[in-house]
Amino acid sequence: MSSSNTIPNLGAVRPLKLDASGQDWVARILLLLTALFLIIFLLVPMSAMLLRAVQDNNGNFVGLLHFQEMLATPAIGTSIWNSVWVSAVTTIITVPLAFAFAYGLTRSNMPFKSGFRLLALVPLLAPSLLSALSLIQWMGNQGIAKALLMGNSVYGPIGIILASVYNTFPHALMILITALALADGRLYEAADSLKAGTIRKFFTVTLPGCKYGLISAATVVFIYVIADFGAPKVIGGNFNVLAVEVFKQVIGQQNFSRGAVIGLFLLLPSIISFLVDNNVRKKLKAQLSARSVAYVAKPNLKFDMLMLAYCTVIGLFFIAIIGMAIYTSLIALWPYNLSFTLKHYEFVLVEGDVAPAFFNSLKMSFMTAFFGTITVFITAYLLEKTKTWQGLKGSMHLLAMGSMAVPGIVLGLGYIMFFNSASNPLGFLYGSMAILVLANIVHYYTSSHLTAVTALKSIDDEFESVSASLKVPFYKTFFRVTVPVCLPAILDIGRYFFVVSMSTLSCIVFLYSPDTLLAAVAIMNLDEAGEIGPAAALACMSVYASFLVCVLYAAITKVWLTKTQRWRTR
């Protein structure tokens, strides 16, 4: 047979290095641009904050003077201790509760699993202030359930912990559901053959199998709580934490140097937790085996009903929080006039001056979803599917993962130090909608990056190999193969960016201007003014908007993917 009729061995083709002299130079330019983006909007602001911490307000170098002063201030030491122990207590409460809930969803045959899972994810749609507002209505000075606190006040650590448990529960739940889903059914079959009891199997098989998931969930919860600004600001009372202390120093006293020092204090535990979590994630990947068998829960009426009862109790807690916020937004004046009215919504949308804040949030969230999805997915593609400049790609991957270690309020503080400067050519961004969008993209970059990378890793490198061997430009392969295959992940990234941008406060509290006031900031301002009804109405409107986007996403995804992803079911 002639060589012209020989079928090439495509399996032996290796990914070719892109040739800068050819048309694939576009890849290198994009790679440099994305690297520059992460450096300017992540590393440089953090460096500017570090520089400001060793300068006085006139820009003179003072070394570690501010650090010494802050550490010698009793109030700062108290704030550090308060932040650490409240975050630790919240973690200790949230992770076991979420683990039991995830265990019920994955290891039982109880009914209504889908409903419970959706209910537990509702806090992702709400600003962190919503839970604090609801808890004040439930257990505040005029709350209907304040007797449950047995004389203690909800304004302080109790309120912060309860609000933080509500806010962080879905984050821990998603991690733990994944960890439990990775269980190898063969281990349980072996345990059954050895006549091991239920408790023994739990402690010798289940817990060891998901220990890395537990550690990862704990670190995520701890990072979230120690950096959260919304809940402590609304329900913290006189109980000071670092996130609120940063706000007081920068906004209240205009002391940017001290604010930078406190920001670095806040950054340190987040970096440590991130390093622990990053190490755990690497080990977690090794838990799956090619020979693993999916675990299938066996019917057990007693256990199933026990899990149903537990999940119902947790579900009632979520309903109580979101339900009280909705109820407060629909009554005239708590607790004196409980007649139903829409006046709070009318005030928010028509009579008051906060309607632009809601629409600004919608605009920012849609822009973040659009530009964030494009940036994240193209960058992940360049990192995973091209073979050029491996050293730079390694550094970029580290930057992409590193944004998780920077708390939102610290990132916003760094943006003040860097962009709010007359000598900075990028200073025009400060106070604009663009900087809010950029801050959200950078702040939530890591989770979206991991989603994109996971989707891209599922595509065999042979697609790029064959395209390279046929001299097909990488961007044609990208649009004709990669994007259609990864469409579910791309849509999911867009939804995630929208939801988190709609509810964020810590990341943007230093960056908005009168023209770019956002819903989360307006909720905080309304609460400070004692306008609880309008504050609840605006918080609920944020939830409604995110819920509507999620419903539209589900509907569009179902129709769109049915047409474009038929190959998956063949």
Protein backbone atom coordinates (compact mmCIF):
# COMPACT_ATOMS: atom_id res chain seq x y z
CA MET A 1 0.00 0.00 0.00
CA SER A 2 1.34 3.43 -0.89
CA SER A 3 2.26 5.87 1.84
CA SER A 4 -0.41 8.29 0.61
CA ASN A 5 -3.12 5.79 1.59
CA THR A 6 -1.72 5.08 5.02
CA ILE A 7 -3.89 6.30 7.88
CA PRO A 8 -1.77 8.38 10.25
CA ASN A 9 -1.43 7.25 13.84
CA LEU A 10 -3.11 10.21 15.54
CA GLY A 11 -2.51 8.73 18.96
CA ALA A 12 1.22 9.21 18.47
CA VAL A 13 0.90 12.90 17.60
CA ARG A 14 2.11 15.15 20.40
CA PRO A 15 0.93 18.71 21.06
CA LEU A 16 3.08 21.03 18.98
CA LYS A 17 4.68 24.14 20.39
CA LEU A 18 3.12 27.27 18.99
CA ASP A 19 5.25 29.06 16.46
CA ALA A 20 5.53 32.76 17.21
CA SER A 21 6.35 33.42 13.56
CA GLY A 22 3.06 31.93 12.43
CA GLN A 23 -0.53 32.85 13.09
CA ASP A 24 -0.45 31.37 16.62
CA TRP A 25 1.38 34.48 17.85
CA VAL A 26 -2.10 35.57 18.96
CA ALA A 27 -1.89 33.03 21.78
CA ARG A 28 1.27 34.58 23.15
CA ILE A 29 -0.18 38.08 23.06
CA LEU A 30 -3.30 36.93 24.91
CA LEU A 31 -1.15 35.11 27.44
CA LEU A 32 0.85 38.27 28.11
CA LEU A 33 -2.31 40.36 28.40
CA THR A 34 -3.91 38.05 30.91
CA ALA A 35 -0.67 37.91 32.90
CA LEU A 36 -0.54 41.72 32.89
CA PHE A 37 -4.18 41.86 34.01
CA LEU A 38 -3.58 39.65 37.04
CA ILE A 39 -0.40 41.51 37.96
CA ILE A 40 -1.97 44.99 37.74
CA PHE A 41 -5.25 44.13 39.45
CA LEU A 42 -4.00 41.66 42.07
CA LEU A 43 -0.30 41.87 42.84
CA VAL A 44 0.30 45.60 42.39
CA PRO A 45 -2.57 46.73 44.71
CA MET A 46 -1.31 44.36 47.41
CA SER A 47 2.19 45.79 46.97
CA ALA A 48 0.80 49.32 47.19
CA MET A 49 -0.94 48.44 50.46
CA LEU A 50 2.28 46.98 51.86
CA LEU A 51 4.15 50.15 50.88
CA ARG A 52 1.50 52.35 52.47
CA ALA A 53 1.79 50.40 55.73
CA VAL A 54 5.39 51.59 56.17
CA GLN A 55 4.65 55.22 55.29
CA ASP A 56 2.93 58.04 57.14
CA ASN A 57 0.03 60.00 55.67
CA ASN A 58 2.53 62.32 53.96
CA GLY A 59 4.32 59.46 52.22
CA ASN A 60 7.38 59.47 54.45
CA PHE A 61 9.00 56.12 55.31
CA VAL A 62 8.42 55.16 58.96
CA GLY A 63 9.35 51.48 58.90
CA LEU A 64 7.44 49.30 61.34
CA LEU A 65 6.19 52.21 63.44
CA HIS A 66 2.53 51.67 62.49
CA PHE A 67 2.77 47.96 63.25
CA GLN A 68 4.19 48.72 66.70
CA GLU A 69 1.49 51.31 67.39
CA MET A 70 -1.32 49.04 66.29
CA LEU A 71 -0.06 46.06 68.26
CA ALA A 72 0.26 48.30 71.33
CA THR A 73 -3.35 49.46 70.94
CA PRO A 74 -5.62 47.28 73.13
CA ALA A 75 -8.60 47.75 70.79
CA ILE A 76 -6.67 46.29 67.83
CA GLY A 77 -5.51 43.32 69.85
CA THR A 78 -9.11 42.74 70.91
CA SER A 79 -10.31 42.97 67.29
CA ILE A 80 -7.71 40.42 66.19
CA TRP A 81 -8.72 38.01 68.95
CA ASN A 82 -12.44 38.56 68.27
CA SER A 83 -11.99 37.87 64.55
CA VAL A 84 -10.03 34.68 65.17
CA TRP A 85 -12.26 33.13 67.81
CA VAL A 86 -15.54 34.04 66.11
CA SER A 87 -14.24 32.55 62.84
CA ALA A 88 -13.08 29.42 64.68
CA VAL A 89 -16.39 28.96 66.50
CA THR A 90 -18.36 29.47 63.29
CA THR A 91 -16.18 26.89 61.57
CA ILE A 92 -16.64 24.39 64.41
CA ILE A 93 -20.42 24.81 64.18
CA THR A 94 -20.86 25.04 60.41
CA VAL A 95 -18.69 22.17 59.18
CA PRO A 96 -20.35 19.41 61.30
CA LEU A 97 -23.82 20.76 60.46
CA ALA A 98 -23.01 20.86 56.75
CA PHE A 99 -21.38 17.43 56.90
CA ALA A 100 -24.48 15.85 58.44
CA PHE A 101 -26.64 17.59 55.83
CA ALA A 102 -24.39 16.39 52.99
CA TYR A 103 -24.38 12.91 54.52
CA GLY A 104 -28.17 12.86 54.41
CA LEU A 105 -28.19 13.97 50.77
CA THR A 106 -25.60 11.43 49.62
CA ARG A 107 -25.91 8.44 51.96
CA SER A 108 -29.64 8.09 52.53
CA ASN A 109 -32.76 7.45 50.49
CA MET A 110 -34.81 10.16 52.17
CA PRO A 111 -37.37 12.01 50.02
CA PHE A 112 -37.11 15.62 48.80
CA LYS A 113 -33.33 15.59 48.36
CA SER A 114 -33.40 18.06 45.47
CA GLY A 115 -35.61 20.45 47.41
CA PHE A 116 -33.35 20.38 50.48
CA ARG A 117 -30.28 20.95 48.36
CA LEU A 118 -31.80 23.95 46.59
CA LEU A 119 -32.97 25.39 49.91
CA ALA A 120 -29.49 25.07 51.40
CA LEU A 121 -28.00 27.00 48.48
CA VAL A 122 -30.34 30.00 48.87
CA PRO A 123 -27.83 31.96 51.04
CA LEU A 124 -25.56 32.17 47.98
CA LEU A 125 -28.15 34.45 46.37
CA ALA A 126 -28.43 36.86 49.29
CA PRO A 127 -26.18 39.67 50.53
CA SER A 128 -24.51 38.79 53.82
CA LEU A 129 -26.48 41.62 55.44
CA LEU A 130 -29.79 39.84 54.84
CA SER A 131 -29.17 37.19 57.49
CA ALA A 132 -28.13 39.87 59.99
CA LEU A 133 -31.31 41.89 59.33
CA SER A 134 -33.47 38.79 59.77
CA LEU A 135 -31.77 37.79 63.02
CA ILE A 136 -32.40 41.28 64.41
CA GLN A 137 -36.10 40.84 63.64
CA TRP A 138 -36.11 37.41 65.23
CA MET A 139 -33.91 37.98 68.28
CA GLY A 140 -33.30 41.73 68.54
CA ASN A 141 -34.61 44.00 71.29
CA GLN A 142 -38.12 43.65 69.86
CA GLY A 143 -37.68 40.21 68.33
CA ILE A 144 -40.35 37.58 68.66
CA ALA A 145 -37.84 34.85 69.58
CA LYS A 146 -35.38 36.79 71.76
CA ALA A 147 -36.26 34.51 74.70
CA LEU A 148 -34.21 31.80 72.97
CA LEU A 149 -31.07 33.75 73.85
CA MET A 150 -31.86 33.48 77.58
CA GLY A 151 -31.09 37.10 78.35
CA ASN A 152 -28.11 37.43 76.01
CA SER A 153 -28.01 40.01 73.23
CA VAL A 154 -27.98 39.13 69.55
CA TYR A 155 -25.93 42.28 68.92
CA GLY A 156 -22.41 40.93 69.17
CA PRO A 157 -20.68 37.59 68.77
CA ILE A 158 -23.89 35.54 68.97
CA GLY A 159 -25.47 37.41 66.08
CA ILE A 160 -22.29 37.37 64.02
CA ILE A 161 -21.87 33.63 64.51
CA LEU A 162 -25.50 32.82 63.65
CA ALA A 163 -25.41 35.04 60.56
CA SER A 164 -22.06 33.58 59.50
CA VAL A 165 -23.32 30.01 59.88
CA TYR A 166 -26.18 30.85 57.54
CA ASN A 167 -23.90 32.60 55.04
CA THR A 168 -21.15 29.93 54.97
CA PHE A 169 -23.28 26.78 55.15
CA PRO A 170 -23.71 26.37 51.36
CA HIS A 171 -19.97 26.86 50.74
CA ALA A 172 -19.11 24.04 53.14
CA LEU A 173 -22.01 21.91 51.86
CA MET A 174 -20.86 21.95 48.23
CA ILE A 175 -17.35 20.87 49.20
CA LEU A 176 -18.57 18.09 51.49
CA ILE A 177 -21.10 16.76 48.98
CA THR A 178 -18.24 16.44 46.49
CA ALA A 179 -16.03 14.74 49.09
CA LEU A 180 -18.72 12.20 50.01
CA ALA A 181 -19.52 11.58 46.34
CA LEU A 182 -15.92 10.46 45.77
CA ALA A 183 -16.37 7.46 48.08
CA ASP A 184 -15.35 4.10 46.66
CA GLY A 185 -18.23 1.65 47.05
CA ARG A 186 -15.79 -1.29 47.17
CA LEU A 187 -14.58 -0.19 50.61
CA TYR A 188 -18.10 -0.43 52.01
CA GLU A 189 -18.61 -3.83 50.36
CA ALA A 190 -15.41 -5.04 52.01
CA ALA A 191 -16.54 -3.64 55.37
CA ASP A 192 -19.90 -5.41 55.03
CA SER A 193 -18.18 -8.69 54.20
CA LEU A 194 -16.13 -8.29 57.42
CA LYS A 195 -19.35 -7.75 59.41
CA ALA A 196 -18.40 -4.19 60.39
CA GLY A 197 -21.16 -2.22 62.08
CA THR A 198 -22.54 1.13 60.93
CA ILE A 199 -20.58 3.18 63.47
CA ARG A 200 -17.35 1.32 62.76
CA LYS A 201 -17.77 1.85 59.00
CA PHE A 202 -18.37 5.55 59.60
CA PHE A 203 -15.18 6.06 61.59
CA THR A 204 -12.94 3.70 59.61
CA VAL A 205 -14.19 4.28 56.05
CA THR A 206 -16.36 7.40 55.72
CA LEU A 207 -14.40 9.92 57.80
CA PRO A 208 -10.94 8.92 56.51
CA GLY A 209 -12.26 9.03 52.96
CA CYS A 210 -13.50 12.62 53.22
CA LYS A 211 -10.99 14.05 55.71
CA TYR A 212 -9.45 16.30 53.09
CA GLY A 213 -12.89 17.60 52.17
CA LEU A 214 -13.55 18.40 55.82
CA ILE A 215 -10.27 20.30 56.11
CA SER A 216 -10.96 22.17 52.86
CA ALA A 217 -14.48 23.10 54.01
CA ALA A 218 -13.11 24.32 57.34
CA THR A 219 -10.51 26.56 55.71
CA VAL A 220 -13.04 28.03 53.27
CA VAL A 221 -15.47 28.83 56.11
CA PHE A 222 -12.71 30.33 58.25
CA ILE A 223 -11.48 32.58 55.41
CA TYR A 224 -15.03 33.74 54.62
CA VAL A 225 -15.91 34.63 58.21
CA ILE A 226 -12.69 36.39 59.16
CA ALA A 227 -12.96 38.60 56.06
CA ASP A 228 -16.73 39.22 56.14
CA PHE A 229 -17.77 42.82 56.65
CA GLY A 230 -21.53 42.85 56.12
CA ALA A 231 -22.84 40.75 59.01
CA PRO A 232 -20.51 42.24 61.71
CA LYS A 233 -21.34 45.76 60.50
CA VAL A 234 -25.10 45.24 60.87
CA ILE A 235 -25.37 42.99 63.90
CA GLY A 236 -21.97 43.28 65.58
CA GLY A 237 -22.89 46.15 67.89
CA ASN A 238 -19.85 47.15 69.95
CA PHE A 239 -18.10 43.86 69.23
CA ASN A 240 -15.17 44.87 67.04
CA VAL A 241 -13.61 42.63 64.40
CA LEU A 242 -10.79 43.34 61.95
CA ALA A 243 -12.98 43.81 58.87
CA VAL A 244 -15.03 46.51 60.58
CA GLU A 245 -11.90 48.06 62.10
CA VAL A 246 -10.43 48.50 58.60
CA PHE A 247 -13.61 50.33 57.56
CA LYS A 248 -13.44 52.61 60.62
CA GLN A 249 -9.80 53.53 60.03
CA VAL A 250 -10.19 54.25 56.31
CA ILE A 251 -13.70 55.72 56.04
CA GLY A 252 -14.19 57.02 59.57
CA GLN A 253 -10.73 58.43 60.35
CA GLN A 254 -9.17 58.67 56.87
CA ASN A 255 -6.08 56.96 58.27
CA PHE A 256 -4.96 54.93 55.28
CA SER A 257 -1.64 53.85 56.77
CA ARG A 258 -3.27 52.23 59.80
CA GLY A 259 -5.93 50.75 57.53
CA ALA A 260 -3.18 49.17 55.44
CA VAL A 261 -1.58 47.67 58.57
CA ILE A 262 -4.89 46.15 59.69
CA GLY A 263 -5.43 44.90 56.15
CA LEU A 264 -2.13 43.04 56.34
CA PHE A 265 -3.17 41.56 59.71
CA LEU A 266 -6.37 40.37 58.00
CA LEU A 267 -4.44 39.01 55.03
CA LEU A 268 -2.09 36.82 57.08
CA PRO A 269 -4.62 34.23 58.39
CA SER A 270 -6.26 34.11 54.97
CA ILE A 271 -2.93 33.28 53.31
CA ILE A 272 -2.20 30.57 55.87
CA SER A 273 -5.67 29.08 55.40
CA PHE A 274 -5.27 29.27 51.62
CA LEU A 275 -1.95 27.42 51.73
CA VAL A 276 -3.53 24.70 53.87
CA ASP A 277 -6.52 24.45 51.53
CA ASN A 278 -4.30 24.37 48.43
CA ASN A 279 -2.28 21.51 49.88
CA VAL A 280 -5.48 19.68 50.79
CA ARG A 281 -6.90 20.07 47.28
CA LYS A 282 -3.82 18.45 45.79
CA LYS A 283 -4.24 15.43 48.04
CA LEU A 284 -7.97 15.31 47.44
CA LYS A 285 -7.43 14.70 43.71
CA ALA A 286 -5.62 11.49 44.51
CA GLN A 287 -8.63 9.93 46.23
CA LEU A 288 -10.19 8.74 42.98
CA SER A 289 -9.10 5.55 41.32
CA ALA A 290 -9.83 4.30 37.83
CA ARG A 291 -11.30 1.16 39.42
CA SER A 292 -13.49 3.00 41.91
CA VAL A 293 -17.14 2.00 42.14
CA ALA A 294 -19.82 4.55 42.97
CA TYR A 295 -21.39 4.13 46.38
CA VAL A 296 -25.13 3.43 46.28
CA ALA A 297 -27.09 4.00 49.49
CA LYS A 298 -29.22 1.09 50.66
CA PRO A 299 -32.79 1.71 51.87
CA ASN A 300 -33.02 1.97 55.65
CA LEU A 301 -36.32 3.39 56.87
CA LYS A 302 -35.12 4.37 60.34
CA PHE A 303 -31.95 6.08 59.10
CA ASP A 304 -33.75 7.72 56.17
CA MET A 305 -36.39 9.21 58.47
CA LEU A 306 -33.69 10.39 60.88
CA MET A 307 -31.88 12.19 58.06
CA LEU A 308 -35.18 13.62 56.82
CA ALA A 309 -35.90 15.02 60.29
CA TYR A 310 -32.42 16.55 60.57
CA CYS A 311 -32.51 18.13 57.11
CA THR A 312 -35.99 19.46 57.87
CA VAL A 313 -34.73 21.23 61.00
CA ILE A 314 -31.82 22.80 59.08
CA GLY A 315 -34.19 23.68 56.24
CA LEU A 316 -36.54 25.44 58.68
CA PHE A 317 -33.61 27.57 59.84
CA PHE A 318 -32.98 28.70 56.26
CA ILE A 319 -36.69 29.32 55.71
CA ALA A 320 -36.84 31.34 58.94
CA ILE A 321 -34.00 33.62 57.82
CA ILE A 322 -35.13 34.29 54.26
CA GLY A 323 -38.81 34.19 55.28
CA MET A 324 -38.36 36.88 57.95
CA ALA A 325 -36.57 39.14 55.46
CA ILE A 326 -39.45 38.77 52.99
CA TYR A 327 -42.03 39.27 55.76
CA THR A 328 -40.26 42.41 57.02
CA SER A 329 -40.25 43.83 53.51
CA LEU A 330 -44.03 43.36 53.25
CA ILE A 331 -45.27 44.81 56.56
CA ALA A 332 -45.75 48.47 57.47
CA LEU A 333 -43.65 48.83 60.65
CA TRP A 334 -42.19 46.12 62.83
CA PRO A 335 -43.52 45.33 65.43
CA TYR A 336 -46.19 48.04 65.77
CA ASN A 337 -48.06 47.78 62.48
CA LEU A 338 -48.01 44.33 60.91
CA SER A 339 -50.43 45.08 58.08
CA PHE A 340 -49.21 44.03 54.68
CA THR A 341 -48.04 46.73 52.30
CA LEU A 342 -45.81 47.27 49.29
CA LYS A 343 -44.69 50.71 50.41
CA HIS A 344 -41.13 49.55 51.12
CA TYR A 345 -40.75 48.30 47.57
CA GLU A 346 -42.33 51.53 46.30
CA PHE A 347 -39.82 53.50 48.36
CA VAL A 348 -36.91 51.48 46.98
CA LEU A 349 -38.01 51.64 43.35
CA VAL A 350 -39.82 54.98 43.12
CA GLU A 351 -39.89 57.33 46.09
CA GLY A 352 -36.42 56.93 47.55
CA ASP A 353 -33.05 57.54 45.97
CA VAL A 354 -31.84 53.92 46.15
CA ALA A 355 -33.39 52.64 42.92
CA PRO A 356 -30.21 53.53 40.95
CA ALA A 357 -28.23 51.41 43.43
CA PHE A 358 -30.26 48.31 42.55
CA PHE A 359 -29.92 48.86 38.82
CA ASN A 360 -26.22 49.64 39.24
CA SER A 361 -25.83 46.24 40.91
CA LEU A 362 -27.65 44.56 38.03
CA LYS A 363 -25.45 46.36 35.52
CA MET A 364 -22.27 45.51 37.41
CA SER A 365 -23.28 41.86 37.82
CA PHE A 366 -24.11 41.37 34.15
CA MET A 367 -20.87 43.05 33.10
CA THR A 368 -18.88 40.94 35.57
CA ALA A 369 -20.56 37.78 34.28
CA PHE A 370 -19.85 38.67 30.64
CA PHE A 371 -16.28 39.94 30.86
CA GLY A 372 -15.33 37.65 33.73
CA THR A 373 -16.43 34.52 31.92
CA ILE A 374 -14.54 35.48 28.76
CA THR A 375 -11.37 36.37 30.68
CA VAL A 376 -11.38 33.30 32.90
CA PHE A 377 -12.15 30.75 30.19
CA ILE A 378 -9.70 32.10 27.61
CA THR A 379 -6.97 32.29 30.24
CA ALA A 380 -7.67 28.75 31.42
CA TYR A 381 -7.57 27.57 27.80
CA LEU A 382 -4.21 29.21 27.21
CA LEU A 383 -2.86 27.63 30.37
CA GLU A 384 -4.19 24.13 29.72
CA LYS A 385 -4.23 23.69 25.96
CA THR A 386 -1.26 25.60 24.58
CA LYS A 387 2.39 24.63 24.88
CA THR A 388 4.17 27.95 24.95
CA TRP A 389 6.11 29.74 27.68
CA GLN A 390 5.69 27.09 30.37
CA GLY A 391 7.44 29.22 33.00
CA LEU A 392 5.01 32.10 32.53
CA LYS A 393 2.05 29.73 32.55
CA GLY A 394 3.13 28.31 35.90
CA SER A 395 3.32 31.79 37.38
CA MET A 396 -0.07 32.70 35.94
CA HIS A 397 -1.67 29.60 37.42
CA LEU A 398 -0.29 30.59 40.80
CA LEU A 399 -1.74 34.09 40.38
CA ALA A 400 -5.11 32.66 39.37
CA MET A 401 -5.20 30.51 42.49
CA GLY A 402 -3.76 33.26 44.68
CA SER A 403 -6.76 35.57 44.38
CA MET A 404 -8.60 33.22 46.74
CA ALA A 405 -6.14 34.14 49.50
CA VAL A 406 -6.97 37.86 49.32
CA PRO A 407 -10.12 38.83 51.30
CA GLY A 408 -12.49 41.13 49.46
CA ILE A 409 -12.13 44.03 51.87
CA VAL A 410 -8.33 43.78 51.65
CA LEU A 411 -8.48 43.77 47.85
CA GLY A 412 -10.67 46.88 47.92
CA LEU A 413 -8.26 48.54 50.32
CA GLY A 414 -5.36 47.77 47.99
CA TYR A 415 -7.28 49.33 45.12
CA ILE A 416 -7.63 52.56 47.11
CA MET A 417 -3.88 52.67 47.75
CA PHE A 418 -3.03 52.05 44.10
CA PHE A 419 -5.75 53.55 41.91
CA ASN A 420 -6.71 56.56 44.03
CA SER A 421 -3.55 58.43 43.13
CA ALA A 422 -3.04 61.46 40.92
CA SER A 423 0.26 60.05 39.66
CA ASN A 424 -1.27 56.76 38.54
CA PRO A 425 -2.18 56.72 34.82
CA LEU A 426 -4.95 54.23 35.70
CA GLY A 427 -6.38 56.58 38.33
CA PHE A 428 -9.33 57.40 36.06
CA LEU A 429 -10.74 53.95 36.91
CA TYR A 430 -11.28 54.84 40.57
CA GLY A 431 -14.94 55.48 41.33
CA SER A 432 -16.09 54.10 37.97
CA MET A 433 -18.21 51.09 37.16
CA ALA A 434 -15.18 49.53 35.47
CA ILE A 435 -13.18 49.23 38.69
CA LEU A 436 -16.13 47.55 40.43
CA VAL A 437 -16.35 44.99 37.63
CA LEU A 438 -12.59 44.41 37.63
CA ALA A 439 -12.51 44.01 41.42
CA ASN A 440 -15.26 41.38 41.32
CA ILE A 441 -13.58 39.47 38.51
CA VAL A 442 -10.29 39.34 40.40
CA HIS A 443 -11.91 38.59 43.77
CA TYR A 444 -13.92 35.62 42.48
CA TYR A 445 -11.36 34.51 39.91
CA THR A 446 -10.15 31.33 41.63
CA SER A 447 -13.45 29.44 41.82
CA SER A 448 -14.27 30.25 38.21
CA HIS A 449 -10.74 29.33 37.14
CA LEU A 450 -11.03 25.92 38.81
CA THR A 451 -14.38 25.32 37.07
CA ALA A 452 -12.89 26.18 33.67
CA VAL A 453 -9.75 24.11 34.22
CA THR A 454 -11.81 21.09 35.32
CA ALA A 455 -13.92 21.31 32.16
CA LEU A 456 -10.87 21.73 29.91
CA LYS A 457 -9.06 18.79 31.48
CA SER A 458 -11.96 16.57 30.44
CA ILE A 459 -11.13 17.25 26.77
CA ASP A 460 -8.46 15.00 25.30
CA ASP A 461 -5.33 16.81 24.14
CA GLU A 462 -5.65 14.90 20.84
CA PHE A 463 -7.97 17.63 19.56
CA GLU A 464 -5.18 20.20 19.79
CA SER A 465 -2.63 17.66 18.54
CA VAL A 466 -4.59 16.86 15.39
CA SER A 467 -5.35 20.54 14.76
CA ALA A 468 -1.68 21.43 15.11
CA SER A 469 -0.62 18.59 12.78
CA LEU A 470 -3.13 19.85 10.20
CA LYS A 471 -1.89 23.45 10.62
CA VAL A 472 -5.27 24.59 11.93
CA PRO A 473 -4.91 27.78 14.03
CA PHE A 474 -5.56 27.21 17.71
CA TYR A 475 -8.38 29.77 17.81
CA LYS A 476 -10.38 27.81 15.21
CA THR A 477 -10.12 24.70 17.35
CA PHE A 478 -11.11 26.83 20.32
CA PHE A 479 -14.36 28.08 18.75
CA ARG A 480 -15.29 24.90 16.86
CA VAL A 481 -14.44 22.27 19.47
CA THR A 482 -13.51 23.61 22.89
CA VAL A 483 -16.32 26.13 23.39
CA PRO A 484 -19.16 23.78 22.33
CA VAL A 485 -17.82 20.95 24.50
CA CYS A 486 -17.29 23.22 27.55
CA LEU A 487 -20.52 25.18 27.09
CA PRO A 488 -22.13 23.90 30.34
CA ALA A 489 -19.10 25.01 32.36
CA ILE A 490 -18.99 28.39 30.58
CA LEU A 491 -22.63 29.08 31.41
CA ASP A 492 -22.07 27.97 34.99
CA ILE A 493 -19.15 30.40 35.37
CA GLY A 494 -21.33 33.24 34.08
CA ARG A 495 -24.10 32.42 36.54
CA TYR A 496 -21.62 32.25 39.41
CA PHE A 497 -20.11 35.63 38.57
CA PHE A 498 -23.56 37.23 38.43
CA VAL A 499 -24.80 35.80 41.72
CA VAL A 500 -21.72 36.63 43.79
CA SER A 501 -21.40 40.12 42.27
CA MET A 502 -25.03 40.86 43.07
CA SER A 503 -24.54 40.07 46.76
CA THR A 504 -20.97 41.26 47.41
CA LEU A 505 -20.21 44.07 49.86
CA SER A 506 -16.70 43.64 51.26
CA CYS A 507 -15.05 43.84 47.85
CA ILE A 508 -16.69 47.09 46.76
CA VAL A 509 -17.36 49.02 49.97
CA PHE A 510 -14.29 51.24 49.35
CA LEU A 511 -14.65 51.57 45.60
CA TYR A 512 -18.09 52.96 44.78
CA SER A 513 -18.88 56.61 44.04
CA PRO A 514 -22.19 58.52 44.29
CA ASP A 515 -22.83 57.59 40.66
CA THR A 516 -22.03 53.89 41.18
CA LEU A 517 -23.75 53.26 44.52
CA LEU A 518 -24.63 49.56 44.75
CA ALA A 519 -27.51 47.67 46.37
CA ALA A 520 -25.40 46.07 49.12
CA VAL A 521 -24.04 49.47 50.18
CA ALA A 522 -27.52 51.00 50.06
CA ILE A 523 -28.81 48.21 52.32
CA MET A 524 -26.06 49.02 54.83
CA ASN A 525 -26.92 52.74 54.67
CA LEU A 526 -30.64 52.09 55.12
CA ASP A 527 -29.96 49.88 58.13
CA GLU A 528 -27.78 52.59 59.71
CA ALA A 529 -30.62 55.07 59.18
CA GLY A 530 -33.08 52.73 60.91
CA GLU A 531 -35.01 52.00 57.71
CA ILE A 532 -35.28 48.25 58.30
CA GLY A 533 -38.28 47.75 56.01
CA PRO A 534 -36.70 49.33 52.91
CA ALA A 535 -33.39 47.62 53.72
CA ALA A 536 -35.14 44.25 53.82
CA ALA A 537 -37.01 45.05 50.61
CA LEU A 538 -33.80 45.94 48.77
CA ALA A 539 -32.06 42.81 50.09
CA CYS A 540 -34.98 40.68 48.94
CA MET A 541 -34.93 42.33 45.53
CA SER A 542 -31.31 41.24 45.18
CA VAL A 543 -32.37 37.69 46.01
CA TYR A 544 -35.26 37.86 43.54
CA ALA A 545 -32.96 39.09 40.78
CA SER A 546 -30.39 36.35 41.39
CA PHE A 547 -33.13 33.71 41.62
CA LEU A 548 -34.66 34.90 38.35
CA VAL A 549 -31.28 34.74 36.63
CA CYS A 550 -30.79 31.20 37.95
CA VAL A 551 -34.24 30.16 36.67
CA LEU A 552 -33.56 31.71 33.26
CA TYR A 553 -30.14 30.05 33.25
CA ALA A 554 -31.73 26.65 33.94
CA ALA A 555 -34.35 27.13 31.21
CA ILE A 556 -31.92 28.43 28.60
CA THR A 557 -29.39 25.77 29.48
CA LYS A 558 -31.95 23.00 29.10
CA VAL A 559 -33.08 24.22 25.66
CA TRP A 560 -29.65 25.25 24.40
CA LEU A 561 -27.76 22.22 25.58
CA THR A 562 -30.45 19.88 24.28
CA LYS A 563 -29.66 21.19 20.81
CA THR A 564 -25.90 21.60 21.07
CA GLN A 565 -24.93 18.72 23.36
CA ARG A 566 -26.76 15.78 21.76
CA TRP A 567 -23.45 14.05 21.21
CA ARG A 568 -23.17 13.54 24.98
CA THR A 569 -26.12 11.11 24.96
CA ARG A 570 -25.06 9.08 21.92
